[in-house]
Amino acid sequence: MSIRKNYLQIRREIPDYVKIVLAAKMRTKEEIEEVISAGAEIIGENYVYEAEKLYISLGEDAKKLEWHMIGSLQKNKINKALKVFDCIQTIDSTELAEAVDKRAERMDKVTSVFIEVNIGSEITKCGVKPDYEMIKRIAIEISKLRYLKLKGLMTMGPRVGDPEDARPYFRKTKEIFDKLKDTGISNVDLKYLSMGMSNSYKIAIEEGANMVRLGTVIFGKRSCDLNN
């Protein structure tokens, strides 16, 4: 099945309210153009350099899309990131939020951000520990920043063989999301819960995700994977 057909099939199968972020890591310009032709609206990139390169190569088409940073953001890449991305899903500390805000102010660009939650408390992954009070403190600090708008939470979830094993982690993230939303912090508009990828998006949606990040299930395996 073609990339276009894969996207359209998944779009039909999942609820309309669920946003699809296309995980474009190591994908070609042609692959991205095909899925754009199917109606894709959001591109997610892990690396600033790759995003910048893809953005330029797409020309006018790039401006029709929302661009989301879904990988860890290094402070020395913030300036370049803000030239491409409309949303940064991977804020994991007050320090990073303040650094992004400072540079966004210089560019006069209000930027949407999500707090990344390391729901499995995995040493090898970035994100805030799944401690509600800690997450709330970061949310309050972000609410004070003029050029950042906190719009959601994001989690990777532990990598598991059986997607069903990810369910309790997604459920816990949804509980944190709901509790934080009910707190009613001023200047925070918590709309999106970004969780679930190609192998787990169905479970994530069942547990409350309204944004999923999909790559392989739409594009197929990368050429480098097929050679291994």
C-alpha atoms as a PDB file:
ATOM      1  CA  MET A   1       0.000   0.000   0.000  1.00  0.00           C
ATOM      2  CA  SER A   2       1.253   3.503  -0.812  1.00  0.00           C
ATOM      3  CA  ILE A   3       2.163   6.154   1.743  1.00  0.00           C
ATOM      4  CA  ARG A   4      -0.869   8.160   0.684  1.00  0.00           C
ATOM      5  CA  LYS A   5      -3.216   5.194   1.129  1.00  0.00           C
ATOM      6  CA  ASN A   6      -1.675   4.308   4.501  1.00  0.00           C
ATOM      7  CA  TYR A   7      -2.273   7.827   5.784  1.00  0.00           C
ATOM      8  CA  LEU A   8      -5.839   8.014   4.480  1.00  0.00           C
ATOM      9  CA  GLN A   9      -6.701   4.607   5.945  1.00  0.00           C
ATOM     10  CA  ILE A  10      -5.418   5.538   9.403  1.00  0.00           C
ATOM     11  CA  ARG A  11      -7.107   8.921   9.194  1.00  0.00           C
ATOM     12  CA  ARG A  12     -10.420   7.145   8.525  1.00  0.00           C
ATOM     13  CA  GLU A  13      -9.888   4.617  11.310  1.00  0.00           C
ATOM     14  CA  ILE A  14      -9.078   6.983  14.166  1.00  0.00           C
ATOM     15  CA  PRO A  15     -11.373   9.666  15.631  1.00  0.00           C
ATOM     16  CA  ASP A  16     -11.454  13.058  13.916  1.00  0.00           C
ATOM     17  CA  TYR A  17     -10.316  14.834  17.074  1.00  0.00           C
ATOM     18  CA  VAL A  18      -6.999  12.958  17.123  1.00  0.00           C
ATOM     19  CA  LYS A  19      -4.162  14.921  15.499  1.00  0.00           C
ATOM     20  CA  ILE A  20      -1.543  12.982  13.545  1.00  0.00           C
ATOM     21  CA  VAL A  21       2.053  14.157  13.815  1.00  0.00           C
ATOM     22  CA  LEU A  22       4.116  12.624  11.029  1.00  0.00           C
ATOM     23  CA  ALA A  23       7.406  11.395  12.437  1.00  0.00           C
ATOM     24  CA  ALA A  24       9.621  12.477   9.552  1.00  0.00           C
ATOM     25  CA  LYS A  25      12.986  11.326  10.907  1.00  0.00           C
ATOM     26  CA  MET A  26      15.222  10.236   7.987  1.00  0.00           C
ATOM     27  CA  ARG A  27      12.348  10.444   5.505  1.00  0.00           C
ATOM     28  CA  THR A  28      12.854  11.832   2.028  1.00  0.00           C
ATOM     29  CA  LYS A  29      11.343  14.988   0.599  1.00  0.00           C
ATOM     30  CA  GLU A  30       9.350  12.822  -1.834  1.00  0.00           C
ATOM     31  CA  GLU A  31       7.876  10.704   0.978  1.00  0.00           C
ATOM     32  CA  ILE A  32       6.805  13.828   2.835  1.00  0.00           C
ATOM     33  CA  GLU A  33       5.294  15.368  -0.308  1.00  0.00           C
ATOM     34  CA  GLU A  34       3.233  12.226  -0.877  1.00  0.00           C
ATOM     35  CA  VAL A  35       1.710  12.333   2.593  1.00  0.00           C
ATOM     36  CA  ILE A  36       1.126  16.085   2.338  1.00  0.00           C
ATOM     37  CA  SER A  37      -0.906  15.385  -0.803  1.00  0.00           C
ATOM     38  CA  ALA A  38      -3.090  13.095   1.328  1.00  0.00           C
ATOM     39  CA  GLY A  39      -3.915  15.957   3.703  1.00  0.00           C
ATOM     40  CA  ALA A  40      -1.246  15.687   6.401  1.00  0.00           C
ATOM     41  CA  GLU A  41      -0.999  18.827   8.506  1.00  0.00           C
ATOM     42  CA  ILE A  42       1.735  18.322  11.122  1.00  0.00           C
ATOM     43  CA  ILE A  43       5.368  17.306  10.670  1.00  0.00           C
ATOM     44  CA  GLY A  44       7.379  16.077  13.638  1.00  0.00           C
ATOM     45  CA  GLU A  45      11.186  16.068  13.554  1.00  0.00           C
ATOM     46  CA  ASN A  46      13.713  14.771  16.081  1.00  0.00           C
ATOM     47  CA  TYR A  47      16.665  16.854  14.987  1.00  0.00           C
ATOM     48  CA  VAL A  48      16.948  20.553  14.241  1.00  0.00           C
ATOM     49  CA  TYR A  49      19.356  20.149  11.304  1.00  0.00           C
ATOM     50  CA  GLU A  50      17.143  17.555   9.585  1.00  0.00           C
ATOM     51  CA  ALA A  51      14.082  19.739  10.118  1.00  0.00           C
ATOM     52  CA  GLU A  52      15.805  22.803   8.688  1.00  0.00           C
ATOM     53  CA  LYS A  53      16.964  20.849   5.638  1.00  0.00           C
ATOM     54  CA  LEU A  54      13.499  19.365   5.026  1.00  0.00           C
ATOM     55  CA  TYR A  55      11.770  22.719   5.566  1.00  0.00           C
ATOM     56  CA  ILE A  56      13.932  24.384   2.931  1.00  0.00           C
ATOM     57  CA  SER A  57      13.556  21.520   0.448  1.00  0.00           C
ATOM     58  CA  LEU A  58       9.745  21.606   0.646  1.00  0.00           C
ATOM     59  CA  GLY A  59       9.614  25.249  -0.381  1.00  0.00           C
ATOM     60  CA  GLU A  60       6.132  26.774  -0.200  1.00  0.00           C
ATOM     61  CA  ASP A  61       4.628  23.468   0.967  1.00  0.00           C
ATOM     62  CA  ALA A  62       6.551  23.807   4.239  1.00  0.00           C
ATOM     63  CA  LYS A  63       4.519  26.890   5.154  1.00  0.00           C
ATOM     64  CA  LYS A  64       1.252  24.937   4.882  1.00  0.00           C
ATOM     65  CA  LEU A  65       2.284  22.665   7.756  1.00  0.00           C
ATOM     66  CA  GLU A  66       2.709  22.853  11.493  1.00  0.00           C
ATOM     67  CA  TRP A  67       6.222  21.842  12.578  1.00  0.00           C
ATOM     68  CA  HIS A  68       6.697  20.077  15.909  1.00  0.00           C
ATOM     69  CA  MET A  69       9.991  19.313  17.627  1.00  0.00           C
ATOM     70  CA  ILE A  70       9.624  15.787  19.017  1.00  0.00           C
ATOM     71  CA  GLY A  71      13.241  15.100  19.919  1.00  0.00           C
ATOM     72  CA  SER A  72      15.400  16.488  22.699  1.00  0.00           C
ATOM     73  CA  LEU A  73      16.337  20.124  22.204  1.00  0.00           C
ATOM     74  CA  GLN A  74      19.841  21.268  23.052  1.00  0.00           C
ATOM     75  CA  LYS A  75      20.167  24.853  24.212  1.00  0.00           C
ATOM     76  CA  ASN A  76      22.716  25.689  21.525  1.00  0.00           C
ATOM     77  CA  LYS A  77      20.159  24.699  18.851  1.00  0.00           C
ATOM     78  CA  ILE A  78      17.259  26.824  20.138  1.00  0.00           C
ATOM     79  CA  ASN A  79      17.751  29.740  17.736  1.00  0.00           C
ATOM     80  CA  LYS A  80      17.707  27.471  14.685  1.00  0.00           C
ATOM     81  CA  ALA A  81      14.815  25.444  16.089  1.00  0.00           C
ATOM     82  CA  LEU A  82      12.624  28.503  16.500  1.00  0.00           C
ATOM     83  CA  LYS A  83      13.098  29.406  12.847  1.00  0.00           C
ATOM     84  CA  VAL A  84      11.409  26.138  11.856  1.00  0.00           C
ATOM     85  CA  PHE A  85       9.229  24.820  14.666  1.00  0.00           C
ATOM     86  CA  ASP A  86       5.815  26.090  15.730  1.00  0.00           C
ATOM     87  CA  CYS A  87       5.710  23.773  18.727  1.00  0.00           C
ATOM     88  CA  ILE A  88       8.329  22.145  20.939  1.00  0.00           C
ATOM     89  CA  GLN A  89       6.949  18.978  22.547  1.00  0.00           C
ATOM     90  CA  THR A  90      10.020  18.196  24.617  1.00  0.00           C
ATOM     91  CA  ILE A  91      10.338  20.809  27.361  1.00  0.00           C
ATOM     92  CA  ASP A  92      11.644  18.932  30.399  1.00  0.00           C
ATOM     93  CA  SER A  93      12.820  21.667  32.768  1.00  0.00           C
ATOM     94  CA  THR A  94      12.191  25.245  33.801  1.00  0.00           C
ATOM     95  CA  GLU A  95      15.713  26.086  32.629  1.00  0.00           C
ATOM     96  CA  LEU A  96      15.029  24.890  29.089  1.00  0.00           C
ATOM     97  CA  ALA A  97      11.687  26.701  29.015  1.00  0.00           C
ATOM     98  CA  GLU A  98      13.318  29.954  30.100  1.00  0.00           C
ATOM     99  CA  ALA A  99      16.063  29.574  27.505  1.00  0.00           C
ATOM    100  CA  VAL A 100      13.503  29.036  24.733  1.00  0.00           C
ATOM    101  CA  ASP A 101      11.421  31.982  25.955  1.00  0.00           C
ATOM    102  CA  LYS A 102      14.437  34.310  25.966  1.00  0.00           C
ATOM    103  CA  ARG A 103      15.304  33.477  22.373  1.00  0.00           C
ATOM    104  CA  ALA A 104      11.652  33.546  21.282  1.00  0.00           C
ATOM    105  CA  GLU A 105      11.420  37.062  22.688  1.00  0.00           C
ATOM    106  CA  ARG A 106      14.362  38.167  20.543  1.00  0.00           C
ATOM    107  CA  MET A 107      12.552  36.780  17.495  1.00  0.00           C
ATOM    108  CA  ASP A 108       9.165  38.094  18.678  1.00  0.00           C
ATOM    109  CA  LYS A 109       7.724  34.617  18.111  1.00  0.00           C
ATOM    110  CA  VAL A 110       5.155  33.148  20.486  1.00  0.00           C
ATOM    111  CA  THR A 111       5.781  29.395  20.572  1.00  0.00           C
ATOM    112  CA  SER A 112       3.623  26.488  21.735  1.00  0.00           C
ATOM    113  CA  VAL A 113       5.265  23.985  24.061  1.00  0.00           C
ATOM    114  CA  PHE A 114       4.470  20.665  25.717  1.00  0.00           C
ATOM    115  CA  ILE A 115       6.017  19.255  28.854  1.00  0.00           C
ATOM    116  CA  GLU A 116       7.647  15.901  28.154  1.00  0.00           C
ATOM    117  CA  VAL A 117       6.917  13.307  30.833  1.00  0.00           C
ATOM    118  CA  ASN A 118       9.277  10.363  31.283  1.00  0.00           C
ATOM    119  CA  ILE A 119       6.399   8.197  32.389  1.00  0.00           C
ATOM    120  CA  GLY A 120       8.514   5.055  32.736  1.00  0.00           C
ATOM    121  CA  SER A 121      11.240   6.869  34.711  1.00  0.00           C
ATOM    122  CA  GLU A 122      13.767   5.431  32.264  1.00  0.00           C
ATOM    123  CA  ILE A 123      17.368   6.508  32.737  1.00  0.00           C
ATOM    124  CA  THR A 124      18.025   6.490  28.997  1.00  0.00           C
ATOM    125  CA  LYS A 125      15.158   8.850  28.177  1.00  0.00           C
ATOM    126  CA  CYS A 126      14.611  12.561  28.644  1.00  0.00           C
ATOM    127  CA  GLY A 127      11.562  14.088  30.258  1.00  0.00           C
ATOM    128  CA  VAL A 128      10.249  15.054  33.658  1.00  0.00           C
ATOM    129  CA  LYS A 129       9.752  12.281  36.183  1.00  0.00           C
ATOM    130  CA  PRO A 130       6.087  11.279  36.535  1.00  0.00           C
ATOM    131  CA  ASP A 131       5.759  13.353  39.703  1.00  0.00           C
ATOM    132  CA  TYR A 132       2.633  15.506  39.531  1.00  0.00           C
ATOM    133  CA  GLU A 133       3.926  18.230  41.838  1.00  0.00           C
ATOM    134  CA  MET A 134       7.136  18.553  39.827  1.00  0.00           C
ATOM    135  CA  ILE A 135       5.206  18.766  36.562  1.00  0.00           C
ATOM    136  CA  LYS A 136       2.831  21.316  38.075  1.00  0.00           C
ATOM    137  CA  ARG A 137       5.752  23.500  39.217  1.00  0.00           C
ATOM    138  CA  ILE A 138       7.194  23.530  35.701  1.00  0.00           C
ATOM    139  CA  ALA A 139       3.761  24.344  34.270  1.00  0.00           C
ATOM    140  CA  ILE A 140       3.389  27.284  36.655  1.00  0.00           C
ATOM    141  CA  GLU A 141       6.823  28.619  35.715  1.00  0.00           C
ATOM    142  CA  ILE A 142       6.031  28.302  32.003  1.00  0.00           C
ATOM    143  CA  SER A 143       2.755  30.176  32.575  1.00  0.00           C
ATOM    144  CA  LYS A 144       4.793  33.197  33.660  1.00  0.00           C
ATOM    145  CA  LEU A 145       6.776  33.323  30.409  1.00  0.00           C
ATOM    146  CA  ARG A 146       5.542  35.795  27.849  1.00  0.00           C
ATOM    147  CA  TYR A 147       6.563  34.009  24.656  1.00  0.00           C
ATOM    148  CA  LEU A 148       5.667  30.411  25.543  1.00  0.00           C
ATOM    149  CA  LYS A 149       2.179  28.918  25.599  1.00  0.00           C
ATOM    150  CA  LEU A 150       1.826  25.582  27.356  1.00  0.00           C
ATOM    151  CA  LYS A 151      -0.540  23.506  25.222  1.00  0.00           C
ATOM    152  CA  GLY A 152      -0.033  19.915  26.318  1.00  0.00           C
ATOM    153  CA  LEU A 153       1.888  16.977  27.711  1.00  0.00           C
ATOM    154  CA  MET A 154       3.920  14.469  25.722  1.00  0.00           C
ATOM    155  CA  THR A 155       5.286  11.068  26.602  1.00  0.00           C
ATOM    156  CA  MET A 156       7.277   8.464  24.717  1.00  0.00           C
ATOM    157  CA  GLY A 157       6.306   5.620  27.007  1.00  0.00           C
ATOM    158  CA  PRO A 158       8.590   2.616  27.500  1.00  0.00           C
ATOM    159  CA  ARG A 159       9.462   0.648  24.373  1.00  0.00           C
ATOM    160  CA  VAL A 160       7.548  -2.610  24.672  1.00  0.00           C
ATOM    161  CA  GLY A 161       7.011  -5.583  22.400  1.00  0.00           C
ATOM    162  CA  ASP A 162       3.307  -5.912  23.181  1.00  0.00           C
ATOM    163  CA  PRO A 163       1.514  -2.548  22.833  1.00  0.00           C
ATOM    164  CA  GLU A 164      -0.878  -3.648  25.575  1.00  0.00           C
ATOM    165  CA  ASP A 165       2.013  -3.396  28.040  1.00  0.00           C
ATOM    166  CA  ALA A 166       2.121   0.362  27.390  1.00  0.00           C
ATOM    167  CA  ARG A 167      -1.478   0.866  28.521  1.00  0.00           C
ATOM    168  CA  PRO A 168      -0.819   1.548  32.247  1.00  0.00           C
ATOM    169  CA  TYR A 169       1.818   4.146  31.340  1.00  0.00           C
ATOM    170  CA  PHE A 170      -0.545   5.950  28.982  1.00  0.00           C
ATOM    171  CA  ARG A 171      -3.311   5.778  31.585  1.00  0.00           C
ATOM    172  CA  LYS A 172      -1.055   7.314  34.222  1.00  0.00           C
ATOM    173  CA  THR A 173      -0.044  10.126  31.872  1.00  0.00           C
ATOM    174  CA  LYS A 174      -3.719  10.855  31.179  1.00  0.00           C
ATOM    175  CA  GLU A 175      -4.376  11.058  34.916  1.00  0.00           C
ATOM    176  CA  ILE A 176      -1.571  13.625  35.290  1.00  0.00           C
ATOM    177  CA  PHE A 177      -2.906  15.536  32.264  1.00  0.00           C
ATOM    178  CA  ASP A 178      -6.457  15.683  33.651  1.00  0.00           C
ATOM    179  CA  LYS A 179      -5.306  16.718  37.104  1.00  0.00           C
ATOM    180  CA  LEU A 180      -3.098  19.473  35.703  1.00  0.00           C
ATOM    181  CA  LYS A 181      -5.890  20.674  33.428  1.00  0.00           C
ATOM    182  CA  ASP A 182      -8.332  20.818  36.351  1.00  0.00           C
ATOM    183  CA  THR A 183      -5.882  22.975  38.302  1.00  0.00           C
ATOM    184  CA  GLY A 184      -6.744  25.839  35.961  1.00  0.00           C
ATOM    185  CA  ILE A 185      -3.342  27.528  35.898  1.00  0.00           C
ATOM    186  CA  SER A 186      -3.693  30.957  34.310  1.00  0.00           C
ATOM    187  CA  ASN A 187      -2.137  31.443  30.870  1.00  0.00           C
ATOM    188  CA  VAL A 188      -2.113  27.671  30.308  1.00  0.00           C
ATOM    189  CA  ASP A 189      -4.381  26.139  27.679  1.00  0.00           C
ATOM    190  CA  LEU A 190      -3.849  22.415  28.064  1.00  0.00           C
ATOM    191  CA  LYS A 191      -5.371  20.959  24.900  1.00  0.00           C
ATOM    192  CA  TYR A 192      -3.190  18.109  23.746  1.00  0.00           C
ATOM    193  CA  LEU A 193      -2.015  14.803  25.121  1.00  0.00           C
ATOM    194  CA  SER A 194       0.647  13.552  22.725  1.00  0.00           C
ATOM    195  CA  MET A 195       1.370   9.863  23.214  1.00  0.00           C
ATOM    196  CA  GLY A 196       1.485   6.717  21.157  1.00  0.00           C
ATOM    197  CA  MET A 197       3.549   5.841  18.098  1.00  0.00           C
ATOM    198  CA  SER A 198       3.259   3.373  15.231  1.00  0.00           C
ATOM    199  CA  ASN A 199       3.105   0.255  17.407  1.00  0.00           C
ATOM    200  CA  SER A 200       1.021   1.704  20.225  1.00  0.00           C
ATOM    201  CA  TYR A 201      -1.167   4.529  18.912  1.00  0.00           C
ATOM    202  CA  LYS A 202      -4.405   2.545  19.114  1.00  0.00           C
ATOM    203  CA  ILE A 203      -3.864   1.815  22.815  1.00  0.00           C
ATOM    204  CA  ALA A 204      -2.825   5.431  23.404  1.00  0.00           C
ATOM    205  CA  ILE A 205      -6.031   6.735  21.843  1.00  0.00           C
ATOM    206  CA  GLU A 206      -8.100   4.348  23.973  1.00  0.00           C
ATOM    207  CA  GLU A 207      -6.343   5.800  27.026  1.00  0.00           C
ATOM    208  CA  GLY A 208      -6.982   9.422  26.099  1.00  0.00           C
ATOM    209  CA  ALA A 209      -4.391  10.579  23.559  1.00  0.00           C
ATOM    210  CA  ASN A 210      -5.642  13.223  21.154  1.00  0.00           C
ATOM    211  CA  MET A 211      -2.314  13.486  19.332  1.00  0.00           C
ATOM    212  CA  VAL A 212      -0.235  10.568  18.045  1.00  0.00           C
ATOM    213  CA  ARG A 213       3.193  10.497  16.405  1.00  0.00           C
ATOM    214  CA  LEU A 214       3.295   8.094  13.461  1.00  0.00           C
ATOM    215  CA  GLY A 215       6.154   7.095  11.185  1.00  0.00           C
ATOM    216  CA  THR A 216       6.648   3.465  10.155  1.00  0.00           C
ATOM    217  CA  VAL A 217       2.948   2.626  10.035  1.00  0.00           C
ATOM    218  CA  ILE A 218       2.518   5.296   7.353  1.00  0.00           C
ATOM    219  CA  PHE A 219       5.861   5.393   5.540  1.00  0.00           C
ATOM    220  CA  GLY A 220       6.950   1.776   5.961  1.00  0.00           C
ATOM    221  CA  LYS A 221      10.419   0.812   7.146  1.00  0.00           C
ATOM    222  CA  ARG A 222      13.282   3.150   6.346  1.00  0.00           C
ATOM    223  CA  SER A 223      15.704   2.013   3.656  1.00  0.00           C
ATOM    224  CA  CYS A 224      18.483   1.786   6.274  1.00  0.00           C
ATOM    225  CA  ASP A 225      16.325  -0.586   8.330  1.00  0.00           C
ATOM    226  CA  LEU A 226      15.691  -2.814   5.333  1.00  0.00           C
ATOM    227  CA  ASN A 227      19.431  -3.177   4.785  1.00  0.00           C
ATOM    228  CA  ASN A 228      20.028  -4.488   8.316  1.00  0.00           C
END
